[in-house]
Amino acid sequence: GAFAVAGGVSLLLLKLTLMASIADEIRAGLLAVFPCASRF
């Protein structure tokens, strides 16, 4: 439905921009940790 489309687009855009915005100094660590913490 419409809510799923709007929510899905927002979710993917947020993830894309956030992953692209991580600073080099913490990039590898944060990319490794965020799927771990979310599943906890």
All heavy atoms as atom14 arrays in JSON, in Angstrom:
{
  "sequence": "GAFAVAGGVSLLLLKLTLMASIADEIRAGLLAVFPCASRF",
  "atom14_mask": [
    [1, 1, 1, 1, 0, 0, 0, 0, 0, 0, 0, 0, 0, 0],
    [1, 1, 1, 1, 1, 0, 0, 0, 0, 0, 0, 0, 0, 0],
    [1, 1, 1, 1, 1, 1, 1, 1, 1, 1, 1, 0, 0, 0],
    [1, 1, 1, 1, 1, 0, 0, 0, 0, 0, 0, 0, 0, 0],
    [1, 1, 1, 1, 1, 1, 1, 0, 0, 0, 0, 0, 0, 0],
    [1, 1, 1, 1, 1, 0, 0, 0, 0, 0, 0, 0, 0, 0],
    [1, 1, 1, 1, 0, 0, 0, 0, 0, 0, 0, 0, 0, 0],
    [1, 1, 1, 1, 0, 0, 0, 0, 0, 0, 0, 0, 0, 0],
    [1, 1, 1, 1, 1, 1, 1, 0, 0, 0, 0, 0, 0, 0],
    [1, 1, 1, 1, 1, 1, 0, 0, 0, 0, 0, 0, 0, 0],
    [1, 1, 1, 1, 1, 1, 1, 1, 0, 0, 0, 0, 0, 0],
    [1, 1, 1, 1, 1, 1, 1, 1, 0, 0, 0, 0, 0, 0],
    [1, 1, 1, 1, 1, 1, 1, 1, 0, 0, 0, 0, 0, 0],
    [1, 1, 1, 1, 1, 1, 1, 1, 0, 0, 0, 0, 0, 0],
    [1, 1, 1, 1, 1, 1, 1, 1, 1, 0, 0, 0, 0, 0],
    [1, 1, 1, 1, 1, 1, 1, 1, 0, 0, 0, 0, 0, 0],
    [1, 1, 1, 1, 1, 1, 1, 0, 0, 0, 0, 0, 0, 0],
    [1, 1, 1, 1, 1, 1, 1, 1, 0, 0, 0, 0, 0, 0],
    [1, 1, 1, 1, 1, 1, 1, 1, 0, 0, 0, 0, 0, 0],
    [1, 1, 1, 1, 1, 0, 0, 0, 0, 0, 0, 0, 0, 0],
    [1, 1, 1, 1, 1, 1, 0, 0, 0, 0, 0, 0, 0, 0],
    [1, 1, 1, 1, 1, 1, 1, 1, 0, 0, 0, 0, 0, 0],
    [1, 1, 1, 1, 1, 0, 0, 0, 0, 0, 0, 0, 0, 0],
    [1, 1, 1, 1, 1, 1, 1, 1, 0, 0, 0, 0, 0, 0],
    [1, 1, 1, 1, 1, 1, 1, 1, 1, 0, 0, 0, 0, 0],
    [1, 1, 1, 1, 1, 1, 1, 1, 0, 0, 0, 0, 0, 0],
    [1, 1, 1, 1, 1, 1, 1, 1, 1, 1, 1, 0, 0, 0],
    [1, 1, 1, 1, 1, 0, 0, 0, 0, 0, 0, 0, 0, 0],
    [1, 1, 1, 1, 0, 0, 0, 0, 0, 0, 0, 0, 0, 0],
    [1, 1, 1, 1, 1, 1, 1, 1, 0, 0, 0, 0, 0, 0],
    [1, 1, 1, 1, 1, 1, 1, 1, 0, 0, 0, 0, 0, 0],
    [1, 1, 1, 1, 1, 0, 0, 0, 0, 0, 0, 0, 0, 0],
    [1, 1, 1, 1, 1, 1, 1, 0, 0, 0, 0, 0, 0, 0],
    [1, 1, 1, 1, 1, 1, 1, 1, 1, 1, 1, 0, 0, 0],
    [1, 1, 1, 1, 1, 1, 1, 0, 0, 0, 0, 0, 0, 0],
    [1, 1, 1, 1, 1, 1, 0, 0, 0, 0, 0, 0, 0, 0],
    [1, 1, 1, 1, 1, 0, 0, 0, 0, 0, 0, 0, 0, 0],
    [1, 1, 1, 1, 1, 1, 0, 0, 0, 0, 0, 0, 0, 0],
    [1, 1, 1, 1, 1, 1, 1, 1, 1, 1, 1, 0, 0, 0],
    [1, 1, 1, 1, 1, 1, 1, 1, 1, 1, 1, 0, 0, 0]
  ],
  "atom14_positions": [
    [[0.8, -1.2, 0.0], [0.0, 0.0, 0.0], [0.84, 1.26, 0.0], [2.08, 1.22, -0.01], [0.0, 0.0, 0.0], [0.0, 0.0, 0.0], [0.0, 0.0, 0.0], [0.0, 0.0, 0.0], [0.0, 0.0, 0.0], [0.0, 0.0, 0.0], [0.0, 0.0, 0.0], [0.0, 0.0, 0.0], [0.0, 0.0, 0.0], [0.0, 0.0, 0.0]],
    [[0.16, 2.39, 0.04], [0.84, 3.7, -0.02], [1.75, 3.92, 1.18], [2.85, 4.49, 1.05], [-0.21, 4.81, -0.11], [0.0, 0.0, 0.0], [0.0, 0.0, 0.0], [0.0, 0.0, 0.0], [0.0, 0.0, 0.0], [0.0, 0.0, 0.0], [0.0, 0.0, 0.0], [0.0, 0.0, 0.0], [0.0, 0.0, 0.0], [0.0, 0.0, 0.0]],
    [[1.31, 3.49, 2.36], [2.14, 3.68, 3.55], [3.43, 2.87, 3.47], [4.49, 3.32, 3.91], [1.36, 3.29, 4.8], [0.23, 4.23, 5.13], [-1.09, 3.79, 5.06], [0.47, 5.55, 5.48], [-2.14, 4.65, 5.36], [-0.57, 6.41, 5.77], [-1.89, 5.97, 5.71], [0.0, 0.0, 0.0], [0.0, 0.0, 0.0], [0.0, 0.0, 0.0]],
    [[3.34, 1.68, 2.9], [4.54, 0.86, 2.74], [5.52, 1.5, 1.76], [6.73, 1.52, 2.01], [4.15, -0.53, 2.24], [0.0, 0.0, 0.0], [0.0, 0.0, 0.0], [0.0, 0.0, 0.0], [0.0, 0.0, 0.0], [0.0, 0.0, 0.0], [0.0, 0.0, 0.0], [0.0, 0.0, 0.0], [0.0, 0.0, 0.0], [0.0, 0.0, 0.0]],
    [[5.0, 2.04, 0.66], [5.87, 2.68, -0.32], [6.56, 3.9, 0.28], [7.78, 4.07, 0.16], [5.06, 3.09, -1.57], [5.92, 3.93, -2.51], [4.52, 1.86, -2.29], [0.0, 0.0, 0.0], [0.0, 0.0, 0.0], [0.0, 0.0, 0.0], [0.0, 0.0, 0.0], [0.0, 0.0, 0.0], [0.0, 0.0, 0.0], [0.0, 0.0, 0.0]],
    [[5.78, 4.75, 0.95], [6.36, 5.94, 1.56], [7.38, 5.58, 2.64], [8.47, 6.17, 2.71], [5.25, 6.81, 2.15], [0.0, 0.0, 0.0], [0.0, 0.0, 0.0], [0.0, 0.0, 0.0], [0.0, 0.0, 0.0], [0.0, 0.0, 0.0], [0.0, 0.0, 0.0], [0.0, 0.0, 0.0], [0.0, 0.0, 0.0], [0.0, 0.0, 0.0]],
    [[7.03, 4.61, 3.47], [7.94, 4.2, 4.52], [9.2, 3.55, 3.99], [10.31, 3.82, 4.46], [0.0, 0.0, 0.0], [0.0, 0.0, 0.0], [0.0, 0.0, 0.0], [0.0, 0.0, 0.0], [0.0, 0.0, 0.0], [0.0, 0.0, 0.0], [0.0, 0.0, 0.0], [0.0, 0.0, 0.0], [0.0, 0.0, 0.0], [0.0, 0.0, 0.0]],
    [[9.04, 2.7, 2.96], [10.2, 2.02, 2.38], [11.16, 2.98, 1.7], [12.39, 2.86, 1.87], [0.0, 0.0, 0.0], [0.0, 0.0, 0.0], [0.0, 0.0, 0.0], [0.0, 0.0, 0.0], [0.0, 0.0, 0.0], [0.0, 0.0, 0.0], [0.0, 0.0, 0.0], [0.0, 0.0, 0.0], [0.0, 0.0, 0.0], [0.0, 0.0, 0.0]],
    [[10.63, 3.93, 0.95], [11.49, 4.93, 0.29], [12.24, 5.74, 1.33], [13.45, 5.99, 1.2], [10.65, 5.84, -0.63], [11.48, 7.02, -1.12], [10.12, 5.06, -1.82], [0.0, 0.0, 0.0], [0.0, 0.0, 0.0], [0.0, 0.0, 0.0], [0.0, 0.0, 0.0], [0.0, 0.0, 0.0], [0.0, 0.0, 0.0], [0.0, 0.0, 0.0]],
    [[11.53, 6.17, 2.37], [12.17, 6.96, 3.43], [13.26, 6.15, 4.12], [14.36, 6.66, 4.39], [11.12, 7.4, 4.46], [10.13, 8.21, 3.86], [0.0, 0.0, 0.0], [0.0, 0.0, 0.0], [0.0, 0.0, 0.0], [0.0, 0.0, 0.0], [0.0, 0.0, 0.0], [0.0, 0.0, 0.0], [0.0, 0.0, 0.0], [0.0, 0.0, 0.0]],
    [[12.98, 4.89, 4.4], [13.95, 4.03, 5.08], [15.22, 3.87, 4.24], [16.34, 4.04, 4.76], [13.32, 2.66, 5.34], [14.25, 1.59, 5.94], [14.56, 1.92, 7.39], [13.62, 0.2, 5.82], [0.0, 0.0, 0.0], [0.0, 0.0, 0.0], [0.0, 0.0, 0.0], [0.0, 0.0, 0.0], [0.0, 0.0, 0.0], [0.0, 0.0, 0.0]],
    [[15.08, 3.55, 2.97], [16.25, 3.32, 2.12], [17.05, 4.6, 1.89], [18.29, 4.57, 1.85], [15.81, 2.72, 0.79], [15.16, 1.33, 0.88], [14.74, 0.84, -0.5], [16.11, 0.32, 1.53], [0.0, 0.0, 0.0], [0.0, 0.0, 0.0], [0.0, 0.0, 0.0], [0.0, 0.0, 0.0], [0.0, 0.0, 0.0], [0.0, 0.0, 0.0]],
    [[16.36, 5.73, 1.75], [17.07, 7.01, 1.59], [17.86, 7.36, 2.84], [19.0, 7.83, 2.76], [16.08, 8.13, 1.26], [15.54, 8.16, -0.17], [14.49, 9.26, -0.33], [16.68, 8.38, -1.18], [0.0, 0.0, 0.0], [0.0, 0.0, 0.0], [0.0, 0.0, 0.0], [0.0, 0.0, 0.0], [0.0, 0.0, 0.0], [0.0, 0.0, 0.0]],
    [[17.26, 7.13, 3.99], [17.96, 7.39, 5.24], [19.2, 6.51, 5.37], [20.29, 6.99, 5.72], [17.02, 7.15, 6.42], [16.05, 8.27, 6.76], [15.01, 7.79, 7.76], [16.79, 9.48, 7.32], [0.0, 0.0, 0.0], [0.0, 0.0, 0.0], [0.0, 0.0, 0.0], [0.0, 0.0, 0.0], [0.0, 0.0, 0.0], [0.0, 0.0, 0.0]],
    [[19.05, 5.22, 5.07], [20.2, 4.32, 5.17], [21.3, 4.72, 4.2], [22.49, 4.72, 4.55], [19.76, 2.88, 4.91], [19.04, 2.21, 6.06], [18.88, 0.72, 5.77], [18.21, 0.0, 6.91], [18.11, -1.45, 6.66], [0.0, 0.0, 0.0], [0.0, 0.0, 0.0], [0.0, 0.0, 0.0], [0.0, 0.0, 0.0], [0.0, 0.0, 0.0]],
    [[20.91, 5.05, 2.97], [21.9, 5.42, 1.97], [22.7, 6.63, 2.42], [23.94, 6.63, 2.39], [21.2, 5.69, 0.64], [22.06, 5.94, -0.61], [21.25, 5.63, -1.86], [22.56, 7.37, -0.68], [0.0, 0.0, 0.0], [0.0, 0.0, 0.0], [0.0, 0.0, 0.0], [0.0, 0.0, 0.0], [0.0, 0.0, 0.0], [0.0, 0.0, 0.0]],
    [[22.01, 7.69, 2.8], [22.71, 8.92, 3.18], [23.51, 8.75, 4.46], [24.61, 9.31, 4.58], [21.71, 10.09, 3.33], [20.65, 9.69, 4.22], [21.1, 10.46, 2.0], [0.0, 0.0, 0.0], [0.0, 0.0, 0.0], [0.0, 0.0, 0.0], [0.0, 0.0, 0.0], [0.0, 0.0, 0.0], [0.0, 0.0, 0.0], [0.0, 0.0, 0.0]],
    [[23.0, 7.98, 5.4], [23.75, 7.77, 6.63], [25.02, 6.96, 6.38], [26.1, 7.3, 6.89], [22.87, 7.05, 7.66], [21.76, 7.9, 8.29], [20.81, 7.03, 9.1], [22.34, 9.0, 9.16], [0.0, 0.0, 0.0], [0.0, 0.0, 0.0], [0.0, 0.0, 0.0], [0.0, 0.0, 0.0], [0.0, 0.0, 0.0], [0.0, 0.0, 0.0]],
    [[24.92, 5.9, 5.59], [26.11, 5.1, 5.3], [27.14, 5.9, 4.52], [28.35, 5.72, 4.68], [25.73, 3.83, 4.53], [24.99, 2.8, 5.36], [24.82, 1.24, 4.46], [23.56, 0.42, 5.44], [0.0, 0.0, 0.0], [0.0, 0.0, 0.0], [0.0, 0.0, 0.0], [0.0, 0.0, 0.0], [0.0, 0.0, 0.0], [0.0, 0.0, 0.0]],
    [[26.66, 6.8, 3.66], [27.59, 7.61, 2.88], [28.22, 8.72, 3.71], [29.23, 9.3, 3.32], [26.86, 8.23, 1.68], [0.0, 0.0, 0.0], [0.0, 0.0, 0.0], [0.0, 0.0, 0.0], [0.0, 0.0, 0.0], [0.0, 0.0, 0.0], [0.0, 0.0, 0.0], [0.0, 0.0, 0.0], [0.0, 0.0, 0.0], [0.0, 0.0, 0.0]],
    [[27.65, 9.01, 4.87], [28.1, 10.15, 5.69], [29.05, 9.76, 6.81], [29.52, 10.64, 7.53], [26.87, 10.84, 6.3], [25.99, 11.3, 5.31], [0.0, 0.0, 0.0], [0.0, 0.0, 0.0], [0.0, 0.0, 0.0], [0.0, 0.0, 0.0], [0.0, 0.0, 0.0], [0.0, 0.0, 0.0], [0.0, 0.0, 0.0], [0.0, 0.0, 0.0]],
    [[29.3, 8.48, 7.01], [30.17, 8.06, 8.11], [31.6, 8.51, 7.84], [32.14, 8.29, 6.76], [30.12, 6.54, 8.29], [28.68, 6.06, 8.49], [30.98, 6.11, 9.48], [28.54, 4.55, 8.47], [0.0, 0.0, 0.0], [0.0, 0.0, 0.0], [0.0, 0.0, 0.0], [0.0, 0.0, 0.0], [0.0, 0.0, 0.0], [0.0, 0.0, 0.0]],
    [[32.22, 9.13, 8.84], [33.6, 9.59, 8.7], [34.57, 8.42, 8.58], [34.32, 7.33, 9.11], [33.98, 10.47, 9.89], [0.0, 0.0, 0.0], [0.0, 0.0, 0.0], [0.0, 0.0, 0.0], [0.0, 0.0, 0.0], [0.0, 0.0, 0.0], [0.0, 0.0, 0.0], [0.0, 0.0, 0.0], [0.0, 0.0, 0.0], [0.0, 0.0, 0.0]],
    [[35.67, 8.66, 7.89], [36.65, 7.6, 7.66], [37.18, 7.0, 8.96], [37.45, 5.8, 9.04], [37.83, 8.15, 6.85], [37.44, 8.5, 5.42], [36.37, 8.03, 4.96], [38.2, 9.25, 4.76], [0.0, 0.0, 0.0], [0.0, 0.0, 0.0], [0.0, 0.0, 0.0], [0.0, 0.0, 0.0], [0.0, 0.0, 0.0], [0.0, 0.0, 0.0]],
    [[37.34, 7.85, 9.99], [37.95, 7.39, 11.24], [37.15, 6.3, 11.94], [37.71, 5.48, 12.67], [38.14, 8.57, 12.19], [39.19, 9.59, 11.74], [38.62, 10.61, 10.77], [37.51, 10.39, 10.24], [39.3, 11.63, 10.54], [0.0, 0.0, 0.0], [0.0, 0.0, 0.0], [0.0, 0.0, 0.0], [0.0, 0.0, 0.0], [0.0, 0.0, 0.0]],
    [[35.85, 6.29, 11.75], [35.01, 5.31, 12.44], [34.23, 4.44, 11.46], [33.41, 3.63, 11.86], [34.0, 6.01, 13.37], [33.08, 6.94, 12.55], [34.71, 6.75, 14.49], [31.85, 7.39, 13.28], [0.0, 0.0, 0.0], [0.0, 0.0, 0.0], [0.0, 0.0, 0.0], [0.0, 0.0, 0.0], [0.0, 0.0, 0.0], [0.0, 0.0, 0.0]],
    [[34.51, 4.59, 10.18], [33.67, 3.99, 9.14], [33.6, 2.47, 9.26], [32.5, 1.89, 9.34], [34.18, 4.39, 7.76], [33.24, 4.01, 6.65], [33.58, 4.69, 5.34], [32.59, 4.32, 4.35], [31.41, 4.92, 4.21], [31.1, 5.93, 4.99], [30.55, 4.52, 3.29], [0.0, 0.0, 0.0], [0.0, 0.0, 0.0], [0.0, 0.0, 0.0]],
    [[34.73, 1.81, 9.29], [34.73, 0.34, 9.33], [34.06, -0.17, 10.61], [33.27, -1.11, 10.58], [36.16, -0.18, 9.23], [0.0, 0.0, 0.0], [0.0, 0.0, 0.0], [0.0, 0.0, 0.0], [0.0, 0.0, 0.0], [0.0, 0.0, 0.0], [0.0, 0.0, 0.0], [0.0, 0.0, 0.0], [0.0, 0.0, 0.0], [0.0, 0.0, 0.0]],
    [[34.36, 0.48, 11.74], [33.79, 0.03, 13.0], [32.29, 0.18, 13.06], [31.58, -0.74, 13.48], [0.0, 0.0, 0.0], [0.0, 0.0, 0.0], [0.0, 0.0, 0.0], [0.0, 0.0, 0.0], [0.0, 0.0, 0.0], [0.0, 0.0, 0.0], [0.0, 0.0, 0.0], [0.0, 0.0, 0.0], [0.0, 0.0, 0.0], [0.0, 0.0, 0.0]],
    [[31.78, 1.34, 12.64], [30.34, 1.57, 12.71], [29.59, 0.69, 11.72], [28.49, 0.19, 12.03], [30.03, 3.05, 12.45], [28.57, 3.48, 12.65], [28.07, 3.11, 14.03], [28.42, 4.97, 12.41], [0.0, 0.0, 0.0], [0.0, 0.0, 0.0], [0.0, 0.0, 0.0], [0.0, 0.0, 0.0], [0.0, 0.0, 0.0], [0.0, 0.0, 0.0]],
    [[30.14, 0.47, 10.53], [29.5, -0.42, 9.56], [29.41, -1.84, 10.1], [28.44, -2.55, 9.83], [30.26, -0.4, 8.24], [30.09, 0.84, 7.36], [31.01, 0.77, 6.14], [28.64, 1.0, 6.91], [0.0, 0.0, 0.0], [0.0, 0.0, 0.0], [0.0, 0.0, 0.0], [0.0, 0.0, 0.0], [0.0, 0.0, 0.0], [0.0, 0.0, 0.0]],
    [[30.41, -2.26, 10.84], [30.39, -3.62, 11.4], [29.43, -3.73, 12.58], [28.77, -4.76, 12.76], [31.8, -4.03, 11.83], [0.0, 0.0, 0.0], [0.0, 0.0, 0.0], [0.0, 0.0, 0.0], [0.0, 0.0, 0.0], [0.0, 0.0, 0.0], [0.0, 0.0, 0.0], [0.0, 0.0, 0.0], [0.0, 0.0, 0.0], [0.0, 0.0, 0.0]],
    [[29.32, -2.65, 13.36], [28.58, -2.72, 14.62], [27.08, -2.52, 14.44], [26.27, -3.15, 15.14], [29.15, -1.71, 15.63], [28.2, -1.5, 16.81], [30.51, -2.16, 16.12], [0.0, 0.0, 0.0], [0.0, 0.0, 0.0], [0.0, 0.0, 0.0], [0.0, 0.0, 0.0], [0.0, 0.0, 0.0], [0.0, 0.0, 0.0], [0.0, 0.0, 0.0]],
    [[26.65, -1.65, 13.51], [25.23, -1.3, 13.51], [24.3, -2.48, 13.21], [23.23, -2.58, 13.83], [24.97, -0.11, 12.55], [24.69, -0.45, 11.13], [23.4, -0.73, 10.69], [25.72, -0.47, 10.2], [23.14, -1.04, 9.36], [25.48, -0.77, 8.87], [24.18, -1.06, 8.45], [0.0, 0.0, 0.0], [0.0, 0.0, 0.0], [0.0, 0.0, 0.0]],
    [[24.63, -3.43, 12.32], [23.72, -4.58, 12.16], [23.72, -5.49, 13.38], [22.72, -6.16, 13.67], [24.27, -5.31, 10.93], [25.18, -4.35, 10.26], [25.74, -3.52, 11.36], [0.0, 0.0, 0.0], [0.0, 0.0, 0.0], [0.0, 0.0, 0.0], [0.0, 0.0, 0.0], [0.0, 0.0, 0.0], [0.0, 0.0, 0.0], [0.0, 0.0, 0.0]],
    [[24.83, -5.53, 14.1], [24.94, -6.34, 15.31], [24.05, -5.77, 16.41], [23.24, -6.48, 17.03], [26.4, -6.38, 15.76], [26.68, -7.17, 17.35], [0.0, 0.0, 0.0], [0.0, 0.0, 0.0], [0.0, 0.0, 0.0], [0.0, 0.0, 0.0], [0.0, 0.0, 0.0], [0.0, 0.0, 0.0], [0.0, 0.0, 0.0], [0.0, 0.0, 0.0]],
    [[24.16, -4.46, 16.65], [23.39, -3.83, 17.71], [21.89, -3.84, 17.41], [21.06, -4.04, 18.3], [23.87, -2.4, 17.92], [0.0, 0.0, 0.0], [0.0, 0.0, 0.0], [0.0, 0.0, 0.0], [0.0, 0.0, 0.0], [0.0, 0.0, 0.0], [0.0, 0.0, 0.0], [0.0, 0.0, 0.0], [0.0, 0.0, 0.0], [0.0, 0.0, 0.0]],
    [[21.52, -3.64, 16.14], [20.1, -3.63, 15.79], [19.46, -5.0, 16.0], [18.3, -5.09, 16.43], [19.9, -3.18, 14.34], [20.38, -4.15, 13.43], [0.0, 0.0, 0.0], [0.0, 0.0, 0.0], [0.0, 0.0, 0.0], [0.0, 0.0, 0.0], [0.0, 0.0, 0.0], [0.0, 0.0, 0.0], [0.0, 0.0, 0.0], [0.0, 0.0, 0.0]],
    [[20.2, -6.06, 15.73], [19.65, -7.4, 15.93], [19.59, -7.76, 17.41], [18.74, -8.55, 17.81], [20.45, -8.42, 15.11], [20.01, -8.41, 13.64], [21.08, -8.8, 12.66], [20.58, -8.66, 11.29], [20.49, -7.47, 10.65], [20.86, -6.36, 11.26], [20.03, -7.41, 9.41], [0.0, 0.0, 0.0], [0.0, 0.0, 0.0], [0.0, 0.0, 0.0]],
    [[20.47, -7.18, 18.21], [20.29, -7.33, 19.65], [19.0, -6.64, 20.08], [18.26, -7.16, 20.93], [21.47, -6.73, 20.41], [21.15, -6.46, 21.85], [20.89, -7.52, 22.71], [21.07, -5.17, 22.33], [20.56, -7.28, 24.04], [20.73, -4.93, 23.65], [20.48, -5.99, 24.51], [0.0, 0.0, 0.0], [0.0, 0.0, 0.0], [0.0, 0.0, 0.0]]
  ]
}
